[in-house]
Amino acid sequence: MADFENIAKQFVEYYYKTFDNDRTQLAPLYGEDSMLTFEAAPHQGVASIVGKLQDLPFEQVQHQVSTLDAQPADATGAILVVVSGVLLVEAEQRPMSYTQTFHLKPKDGSYYVFNDIFRLVYPAA
C-alpha cells in the first residue's frame, strides 16, 4: 500500500497544530486555485481562505481528532482525507463536533490543500 495514509496523518497533525497556534501560518498549505467551503460559504485563493480563518470569532481553539480516513484520489498522487472530531473554543467546556474534508494535491515534492470543506455537526433535534 502506498504512503498516502502516513502523509494524511502527518498533514492532519501539522494542520491542526498550526491552526490551533497561529492560523496565519496556514497560508503556505493553500494555493491560488484552492477552495475552502466553511459552513457552506465558499472562499477561493490563499488571501480569501486565510482571511476567513483569521476572522473566525475566537482567539483560542483546540482540535481533537476522533477519526481520520484517507484514500488515493487519482493517478497523480492526490489524497482525499476526511476528519471528524471536536473543537474546544476559548474556555468553553462544551465541545463542538466537526467534520473536515481535505483534497491534497502533489506539488513540488510536497502537497497542498486543493479543496477544504468544513462543517460543524449539530445534534439532531
C-alpha atoms as a PDB file:
ATOM      1  CA  MET A   1       0.000   0.000   0.000  1.00  0.00           C
ATOM      2  CA  ALA A   2       1.189   3.500  -0.790  1.00  0.00           C
ATOM      3  CA  ASP A   3       2.273   6.027   1.782  1.00  0.00           C
ATOM      4  CA  PHE A   4      -0.964   8.026   1.463  1.00  0.00           C
ATOM      5  CA  GLU A   5      -2.137   7.115   4.976  1.00  0.00           C
ATOM      6  CA  ASN A   6       1.085   8.363   6.606  1.00  0.00           C
ATOM      7  CA  ILE A   7       1.039  11.529   4.509  1.00  0.00           C
ATOM      8  CA  ALA A   8      -2.584  12.168   5.512  1.00  0.00           C
ATOM      9  CA  LYS A   9      -1.838  11.592   9.206  1.00  0.00           C
ATOM     10  CA  GLN A  10       1.215  13.878   9.167  1.00  0.00           C
ATOM     11  CA  PHE A  11      -0.715  16.557   7.277  1.00  0.00           C
ATOM     12  CA  VAL A  12      -3.660  16.498   9.696  1.00  0.00           C
ATOM     13  CA  GLU A  13      -1.385  16.664  12.754  1.00  0.00           C
ATOM     14  CA  TYR A  14       0.522  19.604  11.266  1.00  0.00           C
ATOM     15  CA  TYR A  15      -2.602  21.405  10.027  1.00  0.00           C
ATOM     16  CA  TYR A  16      -4.448  21.361  13.355  1.00  0.00           C
ATOM     17  CA  LYS A  17      -1.352  22.128  15.437  1.00  0.00           C
ATOM     18  CA  THR A  18      -0.702  25.142  13.207  1.00  0.00           C
ATOM     19  CA  PHE A  19      -4.387  26.173  13.198  1.00  0.00           C
ATOM     20  CA  ASP A  20      -4.575  25.986  16.987  1.00  0.00           C
ATOM     21  CA  ASN A  21      -1.369  28.013  17.499  1.00  0.00           C
ATOM     22  CA  ASP A  22      -1.355  30.598  14.667  1.00  0.00           C
ATOM     23  CA  ARG A  23      -3.881  30.398  11.832  1.00  0.00           C
ATOM     24  CA  THR A  24      -1.914  32.896   9.708  1.00  0.00           C
ATOM     25  CA  GLN A  25       0.773  30.230   9.269  1.00  0.00           C
ATOM     26  CA  LEU A  26      -1.644  28.060   7.248  1.00  0.00           C
ATOM     27  CA  ALA A  27      -1.183  30.204   4.106  1.00  0.00           C
ATOM     28  CA  PRO A  28       1.634  28.040   2.631  1.00  0.00           C
ATOM     29  CA  LEU A  29      -0.668  24.998   2.738  1.00  0.00           C
ATOM     30  CA  TYR A  30      -3.029  26.544   0.164  1.00  0.00           C
ATOM     31  CA  GLY A  31      -2.648  27.701  -3.439  1.00  0.00           C
ATOM     32  CA  GLU A  32      -4.338  30.334  -5.559  1.00  0.00           C
ATOM     33  CA  ASP A  33      -6.535  27.588  -7.042  1.00  0.00           C
ATOM     34  CA  SER A  34      -7.513  26.274  -3.589  1.00  0.00           C
ATOM     35  CA  MET A  35     -11.068  26.489  -2.321  1.00  0.00           C
ATOM     36  CA  LEU A  36     -12.376  26.419   1.239  1.00  0.00           C
ATOM     37  CA  THR A  37     -16.079  25.911   1.879  1.00  0.00           C
ATOM     38  CA  PHE A  38     -16.630  26.880   5.503  1.00  0.00           C
ATOM     39  CA  GLU A  39     -20.167  26.224   6.724  1.00  0.00           C
ATOM     40  CA  ALA A  40     -21.485  26.486   3.127  1.00  0.00           C
ATOM     41  CA  ALA A  41     -19.613  29.760   2.389  1.00  0.00           C
ATOM     42  CA  PRO A  42     -17.007  29.408  -0.414  1.00  0.00           C
ATOM     43  CA  HIS A  43     -13.603  31.118  -0.318  1.00  0.00           C
ATOM     44  CA  GLN A  44     -11.152  30.863  -3.243  1.00  0.00           C
ATOM     45  CA  GLY A  45      -7.409  31.593  -3.147  1.00  0.00           C
ATOM     46  CA  VAL A  46      -4.886  31.981  -0.348  1.00  0.00           C
ATOM     47  CA  ALA A  47      -5.832  35.521   0.746  1.00  0.00           C
ATOM     48  CA  SER A  48      -9.560  34.771   0.907  1.00  0.00           C
ATOM     49  CA  ILE A  49      -9.062  31.474   2.741  1.00  0.00           C
ATOM     50  CA  VAL A  50      -6.592  32.784   5.310  1.00  0.00           C
ATOM     51  CA  GLY A  51      -8.722  35.911   5.743  1.00  0.00           C
ATOM     52  CA  LYS A  52     -11.728  33.735   6.589  1.00  0.00           C
ATOM     53  CA  LEU A  53      -9.736  31.630   9.047  1.00  0.00           C
ATOM     54  CA  GLN A  54      -8.320  34.747  10.738  1.00  0.00           C
ATOM     55  CA  ASP A  55     -11.778  36.328  11.008  1.00  0.00           C
ATOM     56  CA  LEU A  56     -13.288  33.430  12.941  1.00  0.00           C
ATOM     57  CA  PRO A  57     -14.856  34.792  16.155  1.00  0.00           C
ATOM     58  CA  PHE A  58     -12.447  33.232  18.646  1.00  0.00           C
ATOM     59  CA  GLU A  59      -8.824  33.582  19.669  1.00  0.00           C
ATOM     60  CA  GLN A  60      -8.138  30.170  21.163  1.00  0.00           C
ATOM     61  CA  VAL A  61      -9.182  26.810  19.756  1.00  0.00           C
ATOM     62  CA  GLN A  62      -8.153  23.211  20.228  1.00  0.00           C
ATOM     63  CA  HIS A  63      -8.960  20.488  17.689  1.00  0.00           C
ATOM     64  CA  GLN A  64      -9.275  16.917  18.919  1.00  0.00           C
ATOM     65  CA  VAL A  65      -9.311  14.424  16.045  1.00  0.00           C
ATOM     66  CA  SER A  66     -11.542  11.379  16.561  1.00  0.00           C
ATOM     67  CA  THR A  67     -11.312   9.758  13.117  1.00  0.00           C
ATOM     68  CA  LEU A  68      -9.126  10.145  10.060  1.00  0.00           C
ATOM     69  CA  ASP A  69      -9.795   8.307   6.800  1.00  0.00           C
ATOM     70  CA  ALA A  70      -7.636   8.648   3.693  1.00  0.00           C
ATOM     71  CA  GLN A  71      -7.764   7.343   0.147  1.00  0.00           C
ATOM     72  CA  PRO A  72      -5.746   7.871  -3.012  1.00  0.00           C
ATOM     73  CA  ALA A  73      -7.770  10.379  -5.072  1.00  0.00           C
ATOM     74  CA  ASP A  74      -6.353   9.964  -8.576  1.00  0.00           C
ATOM     75  CA  ALA A  75      -3.381   8.790 -10.647  1.00  0.00           C
ATOM     76  CA  THR A  76      -1.379  11.976  -9.905  1.00  0.00           C
ATOM     77  CA  GLY A  77      -0.943  11.018  -6.243  1.00  0.00           C
ATOM     78  CA  ALA A  78      -3.673  13.266  -4.817  1.00  0.00           C
ATOM     79  CA  ILE A  79      -5.130  12.199  -1.461  1.00  0.00           C
ATOM     80  CA  LEU A  80      -8.645  12.555  -0.070  1.00  0.00           C
ATOM     81  CA  VAL A  81      -8.729  12.986   3.713  1.00  0.00           C
ATOM     82  CA  VAL A  82     -11.868  13.007   5.879  1.00  0.00           C
ATOM     83  CA  VAL A  83     -11.549  14.021   9.533  1.00  0.00           C
ATOM     84  CA  SER A  84     -14.077  14.126  12.349  1.00  0.00           C
ATOM     85  CA  GLY A  85     -13.566  15.354  15.865  1.00  0.00           C
ATOM     86  CA  VAL A  86     -14.411  18.025  18.401  1.00  0.00           C
ATOM     87  CA  LEU A  87     -13.422  21.657  18.887  1.00  0.00           C
ATOM     88  CA  LEU A  88     -12.881  23.390  22.189  1.00  0.00           C
ATOM     89  CA  VAL A  89     -13.184  27.162  21.697  1.00  0.00           C
ATOM     90  CA  GLU A  90     -11.814  29.693  24.225  1.00  0.00           C
ATOM     91  CA  ALA A  91     -12.539  28.484  27.753  1.00  0.00           C
ATOM     92  CA  GLU A  92     -15.760  26.771  26.650  1.00  0.00           C
ATOM     93  CA  GLN A  93     -16.151  23.376  28.264  1.00  0.00           C
ATOM     94  CA  ARG A  94     -18.782  22.229  25.753  1.00  0.00           C
ATOM     95  CA  PRO A  95     -17.054  20.574  22.782  1.00  0.00           C
ATOM     96  CA  MET A  96     -18.475  21.148  19.294  1.00  0.00           C
ATOM     97  CA  SER A  97     -18.366  18.268  16.815  1.00  0.00           C
ATOM     98  CA  TYR A  98     -16.998  18.918  13.336  1.00  0.00           C
ATOM     99  CA  THR A  99     -16.104  17.196  10.109  1.00  0.00           C
ATOM    100  CA  GLN A 100     -13.500  18.399   7.617  1.00  0.00           C
ATOM    101  CA  THR A 101     -12.552  17.032   4.217  1.00  0.00           C
ATOM    102  CA  PHE A 102      -9.231  17.827   2.524  1.00  0.00           C
ATOM    103  CA  HIS A 103      -8.277  17.085  -1.085  1.00  0.00           C
ATOM    104  CA  LEU A 104      -4.478  17.190  -1.094  1.00  0.00           C
ATOM    105  CA  LYS A 105      -2.687  17.562  -4.429  1.00  0.00           C
ATOM    106  CA  PRO A 106       1.012  16.951  -5.031  1.00  0.00           C
ATOM    107  CA  LYS A 107       3.133  19.986  -5.873  1.00  0.00           C
ATOM    108  CA  ASP A 108       6.917  20.397  -5.955  1.00  0.00           C
ATOM    109  CA  GLY A 109       7.617  17.236  -3.943  1.00  0.00           C
ATOM    110  CA  SER A 110       5.035  18.060  -1.274  1.00  0.00           C
ATOM    111  CA  TYR A 111       1.272  18.560  -1.037  1.00  0.00           C
ATOM    112  CA  TYR A 112      -1.108  21.472  -0.829  1.00  0.00           C
ATOM    113  CA  VAL A 113      -4.805  21.759   0.017  1.00  0.00           C
ATOM    114  CA  PHE A 114      -6.767  21.983  -3.220  1.00  0.00           C
ATOM    115  CA  ASN A 115     -10.200  21.562  -1.590  1.00  0.00           C
ATOM    116  CA  ASP A 116     -11.153  22.045   2.066  1.00  0.00           C
ATOM    117  CA  ILE A 117     -14.716  21.576   3.323  1.00  0.00           C
ATOM    118  CA  PHE A 118     -15.511  22.309   6.978  1.00  0.00           C
ATOM    119  CA  ARG A 119     -18.812  21.739   8.805  1.00  0.00           C
ATOM    120  CA  LEU A 120     -19.896  21.811  12.412  1.00  0.00           C
ATOM    121  CA  VAL A 121     -22.081  18.812  13.209  1.00  0.00           C
ATOM    122  CA  TYR A 122     -25.116  19.615  15.291  1.00  0.00           C
ATOM    123  CA  PRO A 123     -27.137  17.004  17.191  1.00  0.00           C
ATOM    124  CA  ALA A 124     -30.446  16.060  15.585  1.00  0.00           C
ATOM    125  CA  ALA A 125     -33.362  17.954  17.087  1.00  0.00           C
END
